[in-house]
Amino acid sequence: MFNVISRYTSPITNGEITSHSNNKYNRYSVYKDLLSTEFLDCFIVDKGHLNGKEIHCINVNGLAYIYNLNTRKLITILCPRTSQIKRYYRALELTISKEIKELIIKSYNRKIDRLNEV
């Protein structure tokens, strides 16, 4: 289940992380040059998870930061494939901005999709 509900526009101010995120240090070290909490767009997503809905934010370098909607804690950071970025916009029938299109091309050319397996 992956249901994009809406855009999310409120700031995420909780700096806490979940225990799941604590276990991803190796992945985050690979992403070190791409880490940034400067977000281009955020979405509320329902994945049917026991802990509730999530906030998925795309940063300026194409990484997806996943937060718990209720606690605002960071769950994980992923390097989404281009189709995954497009999925947020298609689900809400939104036009993909020029900035996001450029980011999709940049992410595709970077070819680091496999970093999520670290």
N, C-alpha and C. Protein backbone atom coordinates (compact mmCIF):
# COMPACT_ATOMS: atom_id res chain seq x y z
N MET A 1 0.83 -1.18 0.00
CA MET A 1 0.00 0.00 0.00
C MET A 1 0.88 1.24 0.00
N PHE A 2 0.57 2.17 -0.88
CA PHE A 2 1.29 3.44 -0.96
C PHE A 2 0.30 4.46 -1.49
N ASN A 3 -0.34 5.19 -0.57
CA ASN A 3 -1.38 6.13 -0.94
C ASN A 3 -0.91 7.54 -0.61
N VAL A 4 -0.65 8.34 -1.66
CA VAL A 4 -0.26 9.73 -1.46
C VAL A 4 -1.54 10.51 -1.17
N ILE A 5 -1.62 11.12 0.00
CA ILE A 5 -2.84 11.78 0.44
C ILE A 5 -2.88 13.26 0.03
N SER A 6 -1.78 13.96 0.28
CA SER A 6 -1.74 15.39 -0.03
C SER A 6 -0.32 15.90 0.07
N ARG A 7 -0.14 17.15 -0.32
CA ARG A 7 1.12 17.82 -0.07
C ARG A 7 1.18 18.16 1.41
N TYR A 8 2.40 18.28 1.91
CA TYR A 8 2.62 18.67 3.31
C TYR A 8 3.42 19.96 3.28
N THR A 9 2.92 20.99 3.95
CA THR A 9 3.57 22.30 3.87
C THR A 9 4.05 22.86 5.20
N SER A 10 3.76 22.19 6.29
CA SER A 10 4.21 22.68 7.60
C SER A 10 5.68 22.34 7.83
N PRO A 11 6.37 23.14 8.62
CA PRO A 11 7.77 22.81 8.91
C PRO A 11 7.89 21.56 9.78
N ILE A 12 8.99 20.86 9.61
CA ILE A 12 9.27 19.68 10.44
C ILE A 12 10.36 20.11 11.41
N THR A 13 9.99 20.30 12.66
CA THR A 13 10.92 20.88 13.63
C THR A 13 11.52 19.88 14.61
N ASN A 14 10.97 18.68 14.70
CA ASN A 14 11.48 17.69 15.64
C ASN A 14 12.78 17.11 15.09
N GLY A 15 13.86 17.23 15.84
CA GLY A 15 15.14 16.72 15.39
C GLY A 15 15.40 15.29 15.80
N GLU A 16 14.40 14.62 16.36
CA GLU A 16 14.59 13.26 16.83
C GLU A 16 14.55 12.27 15.68
N ILE A 17 15.18 11.12 15.90
CA ILE A 17 15.16 10.05 14.90
C ILE A 17 14.67 8.77 15.56
N THR A 18 14.13 7.88 14.75
CA THR A 18 13.67 6.59 15.27
C THR A 18 14.83 5.63 15.40
N SER A 19 14.62 4.54 16.11
CA SER A 19 15.67 3.52 16.23
C SER A 19 15.98 2.93 14.86
N HIS A 20 14.98 2.85 13.97
CA HIS A 20 15.20 2.36 12.61
C HIS A 20 16.23 3.24 11.91
N SER A 21 16.10 4.54 12.07
CA SER A 21 17.03 5.47 11.43
C SER A 21 18.43 5.34 12.01
N ASN A 22 18.52 5.09 13.30
CA ASN A 22 19.83 4.91 13.94
C ASN A 22 20.61 3.77 13.32
N ASN A 23 19.93 2.77 12.79
CA ASN A 23 20.57 1.59 12.22
C ASN A 23 21.04 1.79 10.79
N LYS A 24 20.87 2.97 10.22
CA LYS A 24 21.19 3.21 8.82
C LYS A 24 22.43 4.07 8.63
N TYR A 25 23.33 4.08 9.60
CA TYR A 25 24.51 4.93 9.54
C TYR A 25 25.33 4.70 8.27
N ASN A 26 25.52 3.43 7.87
CA ASN A 26 26.33 3.15 6.68
C ASN A 26 25.73 3.78 5.44
N ARG A 27 24.40 3.69 5.31
CA ARG A 27 23.74 4.30 4.16
C ARG A 27 23.92 5.80 4.17
N TYR A 28 23.73 6.41 5.32
CA TYR A 28 23.82 7.86 5.42
C TYR A 28 25.23 8.35 5.13
N SER A 29 26.23 7.56 5.50
CA SER A 29 27.61 7.97 5.23
C SER A 29 27.88 7.98 3.72
N VAL A 30 27.23 7.10 2.98
CA VAL A 30 27.37 7.09 1.52
C VAL A 30 26.70 8.33 0.92
N TYR A 31 25.63 8.78 1.55
CA TYR A 31 24.87 9.95 1.08
C TYR A 31 25.48 11.28 1.52
N LYS A 32 26.58 11.27 2.26
CA LYS A 32 27.05 12.45 2.98
C LYS A 32 27.07 13.74 2.16
N ASP A 33 27.40 13.67 0.88
CA ASP A 33 27.45 14.88 0.05
C ASP A 33 26.07 15.31 -0.45
N LEU A 34 25.05 14.50 -0.22
CA LEU A 34 23.70 14.79 -0.71
C LEU A 34 22.74 15.16 0.42
N LEU A 35 23.19 15.04 1.65
CA LEU A 35 22.32 15.33 2.79
C LEU A 35 22.02 16.82 2.90
N SER A 36 20.76 17.14 3.04
CA SER A 36 20.31 18.52 3.22
C SER A 36 18.84 18.49 3.61
N THR A 37 18.47 19.32 4.56
CA THR A 37 17.06 19.41 4.91
C THR A 37 16.40 20.61 4.21
N GLU A 38 16.99 21.03 3.11
CA GLU A 38 16.34 22.02 2.24
C GLU A 38 15.45 21.23 1.28
N PHE A 39 14.14 21.27 1.54
CA PHE A 39 13.20 20.44 0.81
C PHE A 39 12.51 21.21 -0.32
N LEU A 40 12.35 20.54 -1.45
CA LEU A 40 11.62 21.11 -2.57
C LEU A 40 10.14 20.83 -2.47
N ASP A 41 9.78 19.69 -1.92
CA ASP A 41 8.37 19.31 -1.80
C ASP A 41 8.23 18.20 -0.78
N CYS A 42 7.08 18.18 -0.11
CA CYS A 42 6.77 17.14 0.88
C CYS A 42 5.34 16.65 0.67
N PHE A 43 5.12 15.39 1.01
CA PHE A 43 3.82 14.75 0.82
C PHE A 43 3.46 13.90 2.02
N ILE A 44 2.17 13.82 2.32
CA ILE A 44 1.68 12.89 3.34
C ILE A 44 1.34 11.59 2.62
N VAL A 45 1.88 10.49 3.13
CA VAL A 45 1.73 9.18 2.50
C VAL A 45 1.21 8.18 3.53
N ASP A 46 0.22 7.41 3.12
CA ASP A 46 -0.30 6.33 3.96
C ASP A 46 0.19 5.01 3.38
N LYS A 47 1.03 4.34 4.13
CA LYS A 47 1.53 3.03 3.72
C LYS A 47 0.90 1.91 4.54
N GLY A 48 -0.13 2.26 5.31
CA GLY A 48 -0.80 1.27 6.12
C GLY A 48 0.04 0.78 7.28
N HIS A 49 1.03 1.56 7.68
CA HIS A 49 1.95 1.16 8.73
C HIS A 49 1.29 1.31 10.10
N LEU A 50 1.63 0.41 10.99
CA LEU A 50 1.11 0.39 12.35
C LEU A 50 1.32 1.73 13.07
N ASN A 51 2.46 2.37 12.81
CA ASN A 51 2.79 3.64 13.48
C ASN A 51 2.19 4.86 12.81
N GLY A 52 1.38 4.66 11.78
CA GLY A 52 0.68 5.77 11.17
C GLY A 52 1.27 6.27 9.86
N LYS A 53 0.71 7.37 9.42
CA LYS A 53 1.10 7.96 8.13
C LYS A 53 2.50 8.56 8.20
N GLU A 54 3.05 8.83 7.02
CA GLU A 54 4.40 9.35 6.91
C GLU A 54 4.41 10.66 6.15
N ILE A 55 5.48 11.42 6.35
CA ILE A 55 5.75 12.60 5.55
C ILE A 55 6.97 12.25 4.70
N HIS A 56 6.85 12.37 3.39
CA HIS A 56 7.96 12.10 2.47
C HIS A 56 8.40 13.44 1.89
N CYS A 57 9.64 13.84 2.14
CA CYS A 57 10.16 15.11 1.65
C CYS A 57 11.32 14.87 0.69
N ILE A 58 11.26 15.54 -0.46
CA ILE A 58 12.32 15.44 -1.46
C ILE A 58 13.26 16.63 -1.26
N ASN A 59 14.54 16.33 -1.01
CA ASN A 59 15.46 17.43 -0.78
C ASN A 59 16.07 17.93 -2.10
N VAL A 60 16.84 18.99 -2.02
CA VAL A 60 17.39 19.63 -3.21
C VAL A 60 18.35 18.74 -3.99
N ASN A 61 18.81 17.66 -3.39
CA ASN A 61 19.73 16.74 -4.06
C ASN A 61 19.05 15.44 -4.48
N GLY A 62 17.73 15.35 -4.30
CA GLY A 62 17.00 14.18 -4.76
C GLY A 62 16.82 13.07 -3.76
N LEU A 63 17.24 13.27 -2.52
CA LEU A 63 17.01 12.25 -1.50
C LEU A 63 15.62 12.42 -0.92
N ALA A 64 15.03 11.32 -0.47
CA ALA A 64 13.72 11.36 0.18
C ALA A 64 13.90 11.13 1.67
N TYR A 65 13.49 12.11 2.45
CA TYR A 65 13.51 12.01 3.90
C TYR A 65 12.12 11.56 4.32
N ILE A 66 12.05 10.48 5.10
CA ILE A 66 10.78 9.91 5.53
C ILE A 66 10.62 10.15 7.03
N TYR A 67 9.53 10.84 7.39
CA TYR A 67 9.23 11.16 8.79
C TYR A 67 7.91 10.53 9.19
N ASN A 68 7.74 10.24 10.47
CA ASN A 68 6.44 9.83 10.99
C ASN A 68 5.58 11.08 11.12
N LEU A 69 4.37 11.04 10.59
CA LEU A 69 3.49 12.21 10.62
C LEU A 69 3.10 12.61 12.05
N ASN A 70 2.88 11.64 12.91
CA ASN A 70 2.44 11.93 14.27
C ASN A 70 3.55 12.49 15.15
N THR A 71 4.74 11.89 15.07
CA THR A 71 5.84 12.28 15.97
C THR A 71 6.83 13.24 15.32
N ARG A 72 6.82 13.32 14.01
CA ARG A 72 7.77 14.12 13.22
C ARG A 72 9.20 13.59 13.36
N LYS A 73 9.37 12.37 13.85
CA LYS A 73 10.70 11.77 13.94
C LYS A 73 11.14 11.27 12.57
N LEU A 74 12.43 11.39 12.30
CA LEU A 74 13.00 10.87 11.06
C LEU A 74 13.02 9.35 11.11
N ILE A 75 12.45 8.71 10.10
CA ILE A 75 12.44 7.25 10.02
C ILE A 75 13.64 6.78 9.20
N THR A 76 13.83 7.37 8.03
CA THR A 76 14.93 6.96 7.16
C THR A 76 15.15 8.00 6.07
N ILE A 77 16.24 7.86 5.36
CA ILE A 77 16.54 8.66 4.18
C ILE A 77 16.82 7.69 3.05
N LEU A 78 16.18 7.90 1.93
CA LEU A 78 16.33 7.01 0.77
C LEU A 78 16.75 7.80 -0.46
N CYS A 79 17.33 7.09 -1.39
CA CYS A 79 17.62 7.66 -2.70
C CYS A 79 16.58 7.08 -3.66
N PRO A 80 15.49 7.82 -3.91
CA PRO A 80 14.41 7.26 -4.73
C PRO A 80 14.77 7.18 -6.20
N ARG A 81 14.22 6.16 -6.85
CA ARG A 81 14.33 6.08 -8.30
C ARG A 81 13.47 7.18 -8.90
N THR A 82 13.74 7.53 -10.13
CA THR A 82 12.99 8.61 -10.78
C THR A 82 11.49 8.33 -10.78
N SER A 83 11.10 7.08 -10.99
CA SER A 83 9.67 6.74 -11.02
C SER A 83 9.03 6.96 -9.65
N GLN A 84 9.81 6.80 -8.59
CA GLN A 84 9.26 7.02 -7.26
C GLN A 84 8.99 8.50 -7.00
N ILE A 85 9.85 9.37 -7.49
CA ILE A 85 9.61 10.80 -7.34
C ILE A 85 8.37 11.20 -8.14
N LYS A 86 8.26 10.70 -9.34
CA LYS A 86 7.10 11.03 -10.18
C LYS A 86 5.79 10.54 -9.57
N ARG A 87 5.84 9.44 -8.83
CA ARG A 87 4.64 8.85 -8.25
C ARG A 87 3.90 9.82 -7.33
N TYR A 88 4.61 10.64 -6.58
CA TYR A 88 3.96 11.60 -5.68
C TYR A 88 3.08 12.56 -6.48
N TYR A 89 3.60 13.03 -7.58
CA TYR A 89 2.89 14.04 -8.39
C TYR A 89 1.74 13.41 -9.17
N ARG A 90 1.98 12.25 -9.72
CA ARG A 90 0.92 11.57 -10.48
C ARG A 90 -0.26 11.22 -9.59
N ALA A 91 0.01 10.80 -8.37
CA ALA A 91 -1.06 10.40 -7.46
C ALA A 91 -2.01 11.56 -7.16
N LEU A 92 -1.47 12.76 -7.13
CA LEU A 92 -2.28 13.95 -6.83
C LEU A 92 -2.64 14.73 -8.09
N GLU A 93 -2.27 14.18 -9.24
CA GLU A 93 -2.52 14.83 -10.53
C GLU A 93 -1.92 16.24 -10.55
N LEU A 94 -0.71 16.36 -10.07
CA LEU A 94 0.00 17.63 -10.05
C LEU A 94 1.00 17.70 -11.20
N THR A 95 1.21 18.87 -11.70
CA THR A 95 2.24 19.09 -12.72
C THR A 95 3.60 19.08 -12.04
N ILE A 96 4.54 18.39 -12.62
CA ILE A 96 5.90 18.35 -12.08
C ILE A 96 6.62 19.62 -12.51
N SER A 97 7.12 20.37 -11.56
CA SER A 97 7.79 21.64 -11.86
C SER A 97 9.09 21.41 -12.61
N LYS A 98 9.58 22.46 -13.24
CA LYS A 98 10.85 22.39 -13.96
C LYS A 98 11.97 22.00 -13.01
N GLU A 99 11.94 22.53 -11.80
CA GLU A 99 12.97 22.24 -10.80
C GLU A 99 12.99 20.75 -10.44
N ILE A 100 11.82 20.16 -10.28
CA ILE A 100 11.73 18.73 -9.96
C ILE A 100 12.15 17.90 -11.17
N LYS A 101 11.75 18.31 -12.37
CA LYS A 101 12.18 17.58 -13.59
C LYS A 101 13.70 17.57 -13.70
N GLU A 102 14.33 18.70 -13.43
CA GLU A 102 15.80 18.77 -13.48
C GLU A 102 16.41 17.87 -12.41
N LEU A 103 15.79 17.84 -11.25
CA LEU A 103 16.26 16.98 -10.17
C LEU A 103 16.14 15.51 -10.56
N ILE A 104 15.05 15.14 -11.21
CA ILE A 104 14.84 13.76 -11.66
C ILE A 104 15.94 13.36 -12.63
N ILE A 105 16.27 14.24 -13.56
CA ILE A 105 17.34 13.95 -14.53
C ILE A 105 18.68 13.81 -13.81
N LYS A 106 18.94 14.73 -12.89
CA LYS A 106 20.18 14.68 -12.12
C LYS A 106 20.28 13.38 -11.31
N SER A 107 19.19 13.00 -10.68
CA SER A 107 19.17 11.77 -9.89
C SER A 107 19.37 10.55 -10.78
N TYR A 108 18.74 10.56 -11.95
CA TYR A 108 18.87 9.43 -12.87
C TYR A 108 20.32 9.31 -13.34
N ASN A 109 20.93 10.42 -13.67
CA ASN A 109 22.32 10.40 -14.16
C ASN A 109 23.31 10.01 -13.07
N ARG A 110 22.95 10.25 -11.83
CA ARG A 110 23.83 9.91 -10.72
C ARG A 110 23.92 8.40 -10.53
N LYS A 111 22.85 7.69 -10.86
CA LYS A 111 22.78 6.22 -10.81
C LYS A 111 23.19 5.67 -9.45
N ILE A 112 22.58 6.20 -8.41
CA ILE A 112 22.90 5.70 -7.07
C ILE A 112 21.71 5.01 -6.44
N ASP A 113 20.77 4.57 -7.27
CA ASP A 113 19.59 3.88 -6.74
C ASP A 113 19.97 2.73 -5.80
N ARG A 114 21.03 2.06 -6.08
CA ARG A 114 21.42 0.87 -5.31
C ARG A 114 21.96 1.23 -3.92
N LEU A 115 22.14 2.50 -3.65
CA LEU A 115 22.65 2.88 -2.32
C LEU A 115 21.68 2.52 -1.22
N ASN A 116 20.40 2.37 -1.54
CA ASN A 116 19.42 2.01 -0.52
C ASN A 116 19.66 0.61 0.03
N GLU A 117 20.45 -0.18 -0.66
CA GLU A 117 20.74 -1.54 -0.22
C GLU A 117 21.88 -1.59 0.80
N VAL A 118 22.51 -0.45 1.04
CA VAL A 118 23.63 -0.40 2.00
C VAL A 118 23.10 -0.59 3.40
